[in-house]
Amino acid sequence: MYKKTIMGVMVGIALATSLAMADDVPADLGDKLKPMFGGSAPDSLKATPLANIFEAKFGGEIIYVSGDARYVLVGDLIDAQTKSSLTEASRSADRQGIMKTIDASKTIEFKAKGDEKHILYVFTDVDCPFCVKLHKEVPALNEAGVTVRYLAYPRAGVGSPAYKKMVNVWCADNKQEALTKVKNGETIETKECANPVADDFALGQKLGVNGTPALVTADGLMIPGFRPAADLVKMLDAAPKAK
């Protein structure tokens, strides 16, 4: 609560003094940030609509910093007029770029019926109760024109029991059937093959997944947790398309 209050005050002050045009990023700002982050330079630096406040990215983390690197703000930057998070917009843009690199052939796809309106990527754990619940919504999503592409995210990590179950699924001859069986509590044949389970897990971490199910659109919108099919369709229809 205290941190949020300070953030609000700082943003309010910055808004009051913001310039009509964004500031140029100081040439030495990255170097000034290094001592605060273990010697690592930010992955990117860019101006914000606030005077002398810049966005710095370290992996999946976003912070805001003053031009002299003296003040650091942690939290979402909100546009009070549009009631939108500039921080989430930046995260979504990053996720969109990452989503474009996914090889759909390595996912387990449940194709939309008729015209495909949306593609929804789902990071799933076969031992996750809410993932099981979401899987029961997939037929309704397909009927509504939503293609669901599953990516593996064993929450306990590589080598865990869930990881091994998911390797069996991704190595099965009929992956859709195998995934459904395992989510229904059935045991399937143990198999080994070249599979994307570990890579999917690493991808999820890069995208900021910290629980399952985690849903991501091709445009980079992250939807954490379970939602009924009808609610998801409404969200997907209403979501702004990335430019």
C-alpha atoms as a PDB file:
ATOM      1  CA  MET A   1       0.000   0.000   0.000  1.00  0.00           C
ATOM      2  CA  TYR A   2       2.843   2.360   0.943  1.00  0.00           C
ATOM      3  CA  LYS A   3       4.682   1.593  -2.286  1.00  0.00           C
ATOM      4  CA  LYS A   4       1.546   2.211  -4.353  1.00  0.00           C
ATOM      5  CA  THR A   5       0.978   5.554  -2.604  1.00  0.00           C
ATOM      6  CA  ILE A   6       4.541   6.690  -3.273  1.00  0.00           C
ATOM      7  CA  MET A   7       4.214   5.540  -6.882  1.00  0.00           C
ATOM      8  CA  GLY A   8       1.025   7.547  -7.289  1.00  0.00           C
ATOM      9  CA  VAL A   9       2.598  10.681  -5.826  1.00  0.00           C
ATOM     10  CA  MET A  10       5.690  10.370  -7.989  1.00  0.00           C
ATOM     11  CA  VAL A  11       3.656   9.817 -11.140  1.00  0.00           C
ATOM     12  CA  GLY A  12       1.380  12.703 -10.250  1.00  0.00           C
ATOM     13  CA  ILE A  13       4.368  15.034  -9.884  1.00  0.00           C
ATOM     14  CA  ALA A  14       5.845  13.786 -13.148  1.00  0.00           C
ATOM     15  CA  LEU A  15       2.557  14.255 -14.983  1.00  0.00           C
ATOM     16  CA  ALA A  16       2.320  17.798 -13.761  1.00  0.00           C
ATOM     17  CA  THR A  17       5.730  18.571 -15.222  1.00  0.00           C
ATOM     18  CA  SER A  18       5.587  16.399 -18.340  1.00  0.00           C
ATOM     19  CA  LEU A  19       6.738  17.815 -21.640  1.00  0.00           C
ATOM     20  CA  ALA A  20       4.804  17.893 -24.869  1.00  0.00           C
ATOM     21  CA  MET A  21       7.406  15.676 -26.487  1.00  0.00           C
ATOM     22  CA  ALA A  22       9.262  12.716 -24.987  1.00  0.00           C
ATOM     23  CA  ASP A  23      12.815  13.309 -23.733  1.00  0.00           C
ATOM     24  CA  ASP A  24      15.818  11.714 -25.403  1.00  0.00           C
ATOM     25  CA  VAL A  25      17.356   8.921 -23.358  1.00  0.00           C
ATOM     26  CA  PRO A  26      20.572  10.186 -21.708  1.00  0.00           C
ATOM     27  CA  ALA A  27      23.564   8.488 -23.297  1.00  0.00           C
ATOM     28  CA  ASP A  28      25.035   7.452 -19.950  1.00  0.00           C
ATOM     29  CA  LEU A  29      21.822   6.237 -18.301  1.00  0.00           C
ATOM     30  CA  GLY A  30      22.461   2.557 -18.993  1.00  0.00           C
ATOM     31  CA  ASP A  31      25.924   2.742 -17.435  1.00  0.00           C
ATOM     32  CA  LYS A  32      24.553   4.540 -14.378  1.00  0.00           C
ATOM     33  CA  LEU A  33      22.057   1.728 -13.811  1.00  0.00           C
ATOM     34  CA  LYS A  34      24.649  -1.055 -13.928  1.00  0.00           C
ATOM     35  CA  PRO A  35      25.833  -0.809 -10.291  1.00  0.00           C
ATOM     36  CA  MET A  36      22.242  -1.160  -9.063  1.00  0.00           C
ATOM     37  CA  PHE A  37      21.654  -4.355 -11.072  1.00  0.00           C
ATOM     38  CA  GLY A  38      24.752  -6.432 -10.533  1.00  0.00           C
ATOM     39  CA  GLY A  39      26.701  -4.828 -13.346  1.00  0.00           C
ATOM     40  CA  SER A  40      24.081  -5.639 -15.952  1.00  0.00           C
ATOM     41  CA  ALA A  41      22.962  -2.995 -18.416  1.00  0.00           C
ATOM     42  CA  PRO A  42      19.243  -2.803 -19.221  1.00  0.00           C
ATOM     43  CA  ASP A  43      18.063  -4.725 -22.262  1.00  0.00           C
ATOM     44  CA  SER A  44      16.370  -1.565 -23.478  1.00  0.00           C
ATOM     45  CA  LEU A  45      15.781   2.047 -22.498  1.00  0.00           C
ATOM     46  CA  LYS A  46      13.126   4.327 -23.899  1.00  0.00           C
ATOM     47  CA  ALA A  47      11.350   7.560 -23.120  1.00  0.00           C
ATOM     48  CA  THR A  48       7.919   7.719 -21.516  1.00  0.00           C
ATOM     49  CA  PRO A  49       5.273  10.467 -21.736  1.00  0.00           C
ATOM     50  CA  LEU A  50       6.638  11.793 -18.423  1.00  0.00           C
ATOM     51  CA  ALA A  51       9.383  14.388 -18.402  1.00  0.00           C
ATOM     52  CA  ASN A  52      12.768  12.924 -17.440  1.00  0.00           C
ATOM     53  CA  ILE A  53      11.299   9.484 -16.643  1.00  0.00           C
ATOM     54  CA  PHE A  54      12.485   6.524 -18.723  1.00  0.00           C
ATOM     55  CA  GLU A  55      11.451   2.898 -19.070  1.00  0.00           C
ATOM     56  CA  ALA A  56      14.184   0.331 -18.450  1.00  0.00           C
ATOM     57  CA  LYS A  57      13.769  -3.372 -19.177  1.00  0.00           C
ATOM     58  CA  PHE A  58      15.761  -6.118 -17.520  1.00  0.00           C
ATOM     59  CA  GLY A  59      14.536  -9.377 -19.015  1.00  0.00           C
ATOM     60  CA  GLY A  60      10.820  -9.491 -18.293  1.00  0.00           C
ATOM     61  CA  GLU A  61      11.024  -6.806 -15.603  1.00  0.00           C
ATOM     62  CA  ILE A  62      10.121  -3.180 -16.297  1.00  0.00           C
ATOM     63  CA  ILE A  63      11.109  -0.277 -14.058  1.00  0.00           C
ATOM     64  CA  TYR A  64      11.043   3.492 -14.434  1.00  0.00           C
ATOM     65  CA  VAL A  65      14.050   5.660 -13.733  1.00  0.00           C
ATOM     66  CA  SER A  66      14.881   9.348 -13.671  1.00  0.00           C
ATOM     67  CA  GLY A  67      17.363  10.694 -16.188  1.00  0.00           C
ATOM     68  CA  ASP A  68      20.134  10.891 -13.599  1.00  0.00           C
ATOM     69  CA  ALA A  69      19.375   7.345 -12.331  1.00  0.00           C
ATOM     70  CA  ARG A  70      18.767   8.688  -8.822  1.00  0.00           C
ATOM     71  CA  TYR A  71      15.080   7.755  -8.611  1.00  0.00           C
ATOM     72  CA  VAL A  72      13.637   4.359  -9.521  1.00  0.00           C
ATOM     73  CA  LEU A  73       9.902   3.643  -9.689  1.00  0.00           C
ATOM     74  CA  VAL A  74       8.576   0.077  -9.517  1.00  0.00           C
ATOM     75  CA  GLY A  75       5.004  -0.671 -10.585  1.00  0.00           C
ATOM     76  CA  ASP A  76       2.637  -0.060 -13.469  1.00  0.00           C
ATOM     77  CA  LEU A  77       2.514   3.357 -15.104  1.00  0.00           C
ATOM     78  CA  ILE A  78      -1.154   4.241 -15.624  1.00  0.00           C
ATOM     79  CA  ASP A  79      -2.640   6.760 -18.044  1.00  0.00           C
ATOM     80  CA  ALA A  80      -5.424   8.204 -15.903  1.00  0.00           C
ATOM     81  CA  GLN A  81      -7.287   9.617 -18.907  1.00  0.00           C
ATOM     82  CA  THR A  82      -7.511   6.361 -20.842  1.00  0.00           C
ATOM     83  CA  LYS A  83      -7.411   4.173 -17.697  1.00  0.00           C
ATOM     84  CA  SER A  84      -4.827   1.987 -19.427  1.00  0.00           C
ATOM     85  CA  SER A  85      -1.506   0.626 -18.226  1.00  0.00           C
ATOM     86  CA  LEU A  86       1.422   1.829 -20.313  1.00  0.00           C
ATOM     87  CA  THR A  87       3.511  -0.833 -18.612  1.00  0.00           C
ATOM     88  CA  GLU A  88       1.211  -3.642 -19.710  1.00  0.00           C
ATOM     89  CA  ALA A  89       1.151  -2.219 -23.232  1.00  0.00           C
ATOM     90  CA  SER A  90       4.939  -2.465 -23.282  1.00  0.00           C
ATOM     91  CA  ARG A  91       4.844  -6.022 -21.924  1.00  0.00           C
ATOM     92  CA  SER A  92       2.253  -6.994 -24.538  1.00  0.00           C
ATOM     93  CA  ALA A  93       4.425  -5.613 -27.340  1.00  0.00           C
ATOM     94  CA  ASP A  94       7.336  -7.724 -26.094  1.00  0.00           C
ATOM     95  CA  ARG A  95       5.141 -10.808 -25.764  1.00  0.00           C
ATOM     96  CA  GLN A  96       3.778 -10.288 -29.268  1.00  0.00           C
ATOM     97  CA  GLY A  97       7.297 -10.436 -30.670  1.00  0.00           C
ATOM     98  CA  ILE A  98       8.024 -13.613 -28.733  1.00  0.00           C
ATOM     99  CA  MET A  99       4.732 -15.252 -29.762  1.00  0.00           C
ATOM    100  CA  LYS A 100       5.685 -14.831 -33.421  1.00  0.00           C
ATOM    101  CA  THR A 101       8.635 -17.158 -32.873  1.00  0.00           C
ATOM    102  CA  ILE A 102       6.501 -20.097 -31.695  1.00  0.00           C
ATOM    103  CA  ASP A 103       6.439 -23.114 -33.984  1.00  0.00           C
ATOM    104  CA  ALA A 104       2.758 -24.062 -34.065  1.00  0.00           C
ATOM    105  CA  SER A 105       3.651 -27.597 -35.159  1.00  0.00           C
ATOM    106  CA  LYS A 106       5.199 -28.197 -31.724  1.00  0.00           C
ATOM    107  CA  THR A 107       2.038 -27.210 -29.872  1.00  0.00           C
ATOM    108  CA  ILE A 108      -0.965 -29.455 -29.294  1.00  0.00           C
ATOM    109  CA  GLU A 109      -3.656 -27.757 -31.314  1.00  0.00           C
ATOM    110  CA  PHE A 110      -7.424 -27.941 -30.975  1.00  0.00           C
ATOM    111  CA  LYS A 111      -8.626 -26.247 -34.151  1.00  0.00           C
ATOM    112  CA  ALA A 112     -11.517 -23.786 -34.346  1.00  0.00           C
ATOM    113  CA  LYS A 113     -14.699 -25.019 -36.020  1.00  0.00           C
ATOM    114  CA  GLY A 114     -15.608 -23.020 -39.114  1.00  0.00           C
ATOM    115  CA  ASP A 115     -14.023 -19.568 -39.425  1.00  0.00           C
ATOM    116  CA  GLU A 116     -11.044 -19.061 -37.153  1.00  0.00           C
ATOM    117  CA  LYS A 117     -11.519 -15.780 -35.252  1.00  0.00           C
ATOM    118  CA  HIS A 118      -8.817 -16.076 -32.626  1.00  0.00           C
ATOM    119  CA  ILE A 119      -5.747 -18.131 -31.706  1.00  0.00           C
ATOM    120  CA  LEU A 120      -5.187 -18.684 -28.003  1.00  0.00           C
ATOM    121  CA  TYR A 121      -1.970 -20.150 -26.632  1.00  0.00           C
ATOM    122  CA  VAL A 122      -2.362 -21.930 -23.299  1.00  0.00           C
ATOM    123  CA  PHE A 123       0.513 -22.776 -20.972  1.00  0.00           C
ATOM    124  CA  THR A 124      -0.736 -25.850 -19.157  1.00  0.00           C
ATOM    125  CA  ASP A 125       0.251 -28.293 -16.429  1.00  0.00           C
ATOM    126  CA  VAL A 126      -1.504 -31.666 -16.556  1.00  0.00           C
ATOM    127  CA  ASP A 127      -1.597 -31.812 -12.740  1.00  0.00           C
ATOM    128  CA  CYS A 128      -3.207 -28.378 -12.414  1.00  0.00           C
ATOM    129  CA  PRO A 129      -6.925 -28.593 -11.428  1.00  0.00           C
ATOM    130  CA  PHE A 130      -7.842 -25.346 -13.142  1.00  0.00           C
ATOM    131  CA  CYS A 131      -6.032 -26.491 -16.307  1.00  0.00           C
ATOM    132  CA  VAL A 132      -8.250 -29.563 -16.265  1.00  0.00           C
ATOM    133  CA  LYS A 133     -11.278 -27.314 -15.817  1.00  0.00           C
ATOM    134  CA  LEU A 134     -10.203 -25.099 -18.709  1.00  0.00           C
ATOM    135  CA  HIS A 135      -9.666 -28.129 -20.946  1.00  0.00           C
ATOM    136  CA  LYS A 136     -13.361 -28.946 -20.582  1.00  0.00           C
ATOM    137  CA  GLU A 137     -14.094 -25.505 -22.071  1.00  0.00           C
ATOM    138  CA  VAL A 138     -12.029 -26.152 -25.211  1.00  0.00           C
ATOM    139  CA  PRO A 139     -14.903 -27.634 -27.296  1.00  0.00           C
ATOM    140  CA  ALA A 140     -16.980 -24.507 -26.603  1.00  0.00           C
ATOM    141  CA  LEU A 141     -14.020 -22.298 -27.542  1.00  0.00           C
ATOM    142  CA  ASN A 142     -13.574 -24.232 -30.780  1.00  0.00           C
ATOM    143  CA  GLU A 143     -17.266 -23.830 -31.611  1.00  0.00           C
ATOM    144  CA  ALA A 144     -16.896 -20.076 -31.066  1.00  0.00           C
ATOM    145  CA  GLY A 145     -14.059 -19.869 -33.600  1.00  0.00           C
ATOM    146  CA  VAL A 146     -11.133 -20.008 -31.183  1.00  0.00           C
ATOM    147  CA  THR A 147      -8.161 -22.239 -31.949  1.00  0.00           C
ATOM    148  CA  VAL A 148      -6.418 -23.413 -28.785  1.00  0.00           C
ATOM    149  CA  ARG A 149      -2.709 -24.232 -28.939  1.00  0.00           C
ATOM    150  CA  TYR A 150      -1.247 -25.873 -25.850  1.00  0.00           C
ATOM    151  CA  LEU A 151       2.270 -25.256 -24.589  1.00  0.00           C
ATOM    152  CA  ALA A 152       3.775 -27.269 -21.732  1.00  0.00           C
ATOM    153  CA  TYR A 153       4.427 -25.583 -18.405  1.00  0.00           C
ATOM    154  CA  PRO A 154       5.184 -28.114 -15.633  1.00  0.00           C
ATOM    155  CA  ARG A 155       5.037 -25.819 -12.627  1.00  0.00           C
ATOM    156  CA  ALA A 156       7.470 -27.926 -10.566  1.00  0.00           C
ATOM    157  CA  GLY A 157      10.060 -27.623 -13.313  1.00  0.00           C
ATOM    158  CA  VAL A 158      12.024 -29.824 -15.662  1.00  0.00           C
ATOM    159  CA  GLY A 159      12.369 -33.391 -14.373  1.00  0.00           C
ATOM    160  CA  SER A 160       9.292 -33.217 -12.136  1.00  0.00           C
ATOM    161  CA  PRO A 161       6.516 -35.858 -12.274  1.00  0.00           C
ATOM    162  CA  ALA A 162       4.320 -33.434 -14.241  1.00  0.00           C
ATOM    163  CA  TYR A 163       7.190 -32.822 -16.664  1.00  0.00           C
ATOM    164  CA  LYS A 164       7.528 -36.558 -17.305  1.00  0.00           C
ATOM    165  CA  LYS A 165       3.775 -36.899 -17.871  1.00  0.00           C
ATOM    166  CA  MET A 166       3.886 -34.065 -20.369  1.00  0.00           C
ATOM    167  CA  VAL A 167       6.797 -35.629 -22.239  1.00  0.00           C
ATOM    168  CA  ASN A 168       4.624 -38.749 -22.590  1.00  0.00           C
ATOM    169  CA  VAL A 169       1.819 -36.588 -23.982  1.00  0.00           C
ATOM    170  CA  TRP A 170       3.985 -34.723 -26.476  1.00  0.00           C
ATOM    171  CA  CYS A 171       5.578 -37.990 -27.612  1.00  0.00           C
ATOM    172  CA  ALA A 172       2.249 -39.773 -28.088  1.00  0.00           C
ATOM    173  CA  ASP A 173       1.029 -40.684 -31.565  1.00  0.00           C
ATOM    174  CA  ASN A 174      -2.273 -38.894 -30.903  1.00  0.00           C
ATOM    175  CA  LYS A 175      -1.293 -35.889 -28.797  1.00  0.00           C
ATOM    176  CA  GLN A 176      -4.807 -34.470 -28.468  1.00  0.00           C
ATOM    177  CA  GLU A 177      -6.165 -37.753 -27.176  1.00  0.00           C
ATOM    178  CA  ALA A 178      -3.182 -38.262 -24.857  1.00  0.00           C
ATOM    179  CA  LEU A 179      -3.534 -34.789 -23.340  1.00  0.00           C
ATOM    180  CA  THR A 180      -7.221 -35.292 -22.712  1.00  0.00           C
ATOM    181  CA  LYS A 181      -6.648 -38.698 -21.120  1.00  0.00           C
ATOM    182  CA  VAL A 182      -3.931 -37.426 -18.764  1.00  0.00           C
ATOM    183  CA  LYS A 183      -6.073 -34.460 -17.751  1.00  0.00           C
ATOM    184  CA  ASN A 184      -8.852 -36.911 -16.976  1.00  0.00           C
ATOM    185  CA  GLY A 185      -6.527 -38.758 -14.597  1.00  0.00           C
ATOM    186  CA  GLU A 186      -5.729 -41.665 -16.927  1.00  0.00           C
ATOM    187  CA  THR A 187      -2.265 -43.168 -17.344  1.00  0.00           C
ATOM    188  CA  ILE A 188      -0.785 -43.287 -20.827  1.00  0.00           C
ATOM    189  CA  GLU A 189       2.187 -45.106 -22.310  1.00  0.00           C
ATOM    190  CA  THR A 190       5.629 -43.900 -21.215  1.00  0.00           C
ATOM    191  CA  LYS A 191       7.531 -42.570 -24.197  1.00  0.00           C
ATOM    192  CA  GLU A 192      10.703 -40.654 -24.969  1.00  0.00           C
ATOM    193  CA  CYS A 193      11.288 -38.500 -28.030  1.00  0.00           C
ATOM    194  CA  ALA A 194      12.575 -35.110 -29.106  1.00  0.00           C
ATOM    195  CA  ASN A 195      10.002 -32.835 -27.471  1.00  0.00           C
ATOM    196  CA  PRO A 196       9.442 -29.137 -26.678  1.00  0.00           C
ATOM    197  CA  VAL A 197       8.441 -29.476 -23.008  1.00  0.00           C
ATOM    198  CA  ALA A 198      11.622 -27.964 -21.511  1.00  0.00           C
ATOM    199  CA  ASP A 199      11.703 -25.239 -24.172  1.00  0.00           C
ATOM    200  CA  ASP A 200       8.042 -24.399 -23.546  1.00  0.00           C
ATOM    201  CA  PHE A 201       8.759 -24.110 -19.827  1.00  0.00           C
ATOM    202  CA  ALA A 202      11.645 -21.711 -20.513  1.00  0.00           C
ATOM    203  CA  LEU A 203       9.453 -19.732 -22.906  1.00  0.00           C
ATOM    204  CA  GLY A 204       6.750 -19.400 -20.268  1.00  0.00           C
ATOM    205  CA  GLN A 205       9.261 -18.054 -17.773  1.00  0.00           C
ATOM    206  CA  LYS A 206      10.493 -15.550 -20.346  1.00  0.00           C
ATOM    207  CA  LEU A 207       6.920 -14.378 -20.921  1.00  0.00           C
ATOM    208  CA  GLY A 208       6.323 -13.950 -17.196  1.00  0.00           C
ATOM    209  CA  VAL A 209       4.128 -17.004 -16.610  1.00  0.00           C
ATOM    210  CA  ASN A 210       3.993 -17.711 -12.877  1.00  0.00           C
ATOM    211  CA  GLY A 211       1.002 -20.034 -12.704  1.00  0.00           C
ATOM    212  CA  THR A 212      -1.276 -22.155 -14.833  1.00  0.00           C
ATOM    213  CA  PRO A 213      -3.318 -21.978 -16.851  1.00  0.00           C
ATOM    214  CA  ALA A 214      -1.759 -18.934 -18.470  1.00  0.00           C
ATOM    215  CA  LEU A 215      -3.349 -17.798 -21.716  1.00  0.00           C
ATOM    216  CA  VAL A 216      -1.594 -15.597 -24.263  1.00  0.00           C
ATOM    217  CA  THR A 217      -3.002 -14.265 -27.522  1.00  0.00           C
ATOM    218  CA  ALA A 218      -1.005 -13.896 -30.713  1.00  0.00           C
ATOM    219  CA  ASP A 219      -1.107 -10.138 -30.049  1.00  0.00           C
ATOM    220  CA  GLY A 220       0.617 -10.590 -26.690  1.00  0.00           C
ATOM    221  CA  LEU A 221      -2.329 -10.171 -24.319  1.00  0.00           C
ATOM    222  CA  MET A 222      -1.786 -12.247 -21.167  1.00  0.00           C
ATOM    223  CA  ILE A 223      -4.875 -13.718 -19.476  1.00  0.00           C
ATOM    224  CA  PRO A 224      -3.907 -15.501 -16.246  1.00  0.00           C
ATOM    225  CA  GLY A 225      -6.050 -18.180 -14.675  1.00  0.00           C
ATOM    226  CA  PHE A 226      -9.249 -20.025 -15.539  1.00  0.00           C
ATOM    227  CA  ARG A 227     -12.195 -18.340 -17.229  1.00  0.00           C
ATOM    228  CA  PRO A 228     -15.284 -19.934 -18.797  1.00  0.00           C
ATOM    229  CA  ALA A 229     -15.349 -20.112 -22.591  1.00  0.00           C
ATOM    230  CA  ALA A 230     -18.075 -17.470 -22.908  1.00  0.00           C
ATOM    231  CA  ASP A 231     -16.043 -14.977 -20.875  1.00  0.00           C
ATOM    232  CA  LEU A 232     -12.877 -15.706 -22.838  1.00  0.00           C
ATOM    233  CA  VAL A 233     -14.634 -15.160 -26.163  1.00  0.00           C
ATOM    234  CA  LYS A 234     -15.907 -11.782 -24.967  1.00  0.00           C
ATOM    235  CA  MET A 235     -12.412 -10.801 -23.847  1.00  0.00           C
ATOM    236  CA  LEU A 236     -10.857 -11.880 -27.139  1.00  0.00           C
ATOM    237  CA  ASP A 237     -13.478 -10.056 -29.184  1.00  0.00           C
ATOM    238  CA  ALA A 238     -12.981  -6.871 -27.162  1.00  0.00           C
ATOM    239  CA  ALA A 239      -9.185  -6.966 -27.053  1.00  0.00           C
ATOM    240  CA  PRO A 240      -7.440  -4.302 -29.161  1.00  0.00           C
ATOM    241  CA  LYS A 241      -5.469  -5.686 -32.059  1.00  0.00           C
ATOM    242  CA  ALA A 242      -1.746  -4.992 -32.045  1.00  0.00           C
ATOM    243  CA  LYS A 243      -0.565  -2.707 -34.807  1.00  0.00           C
END
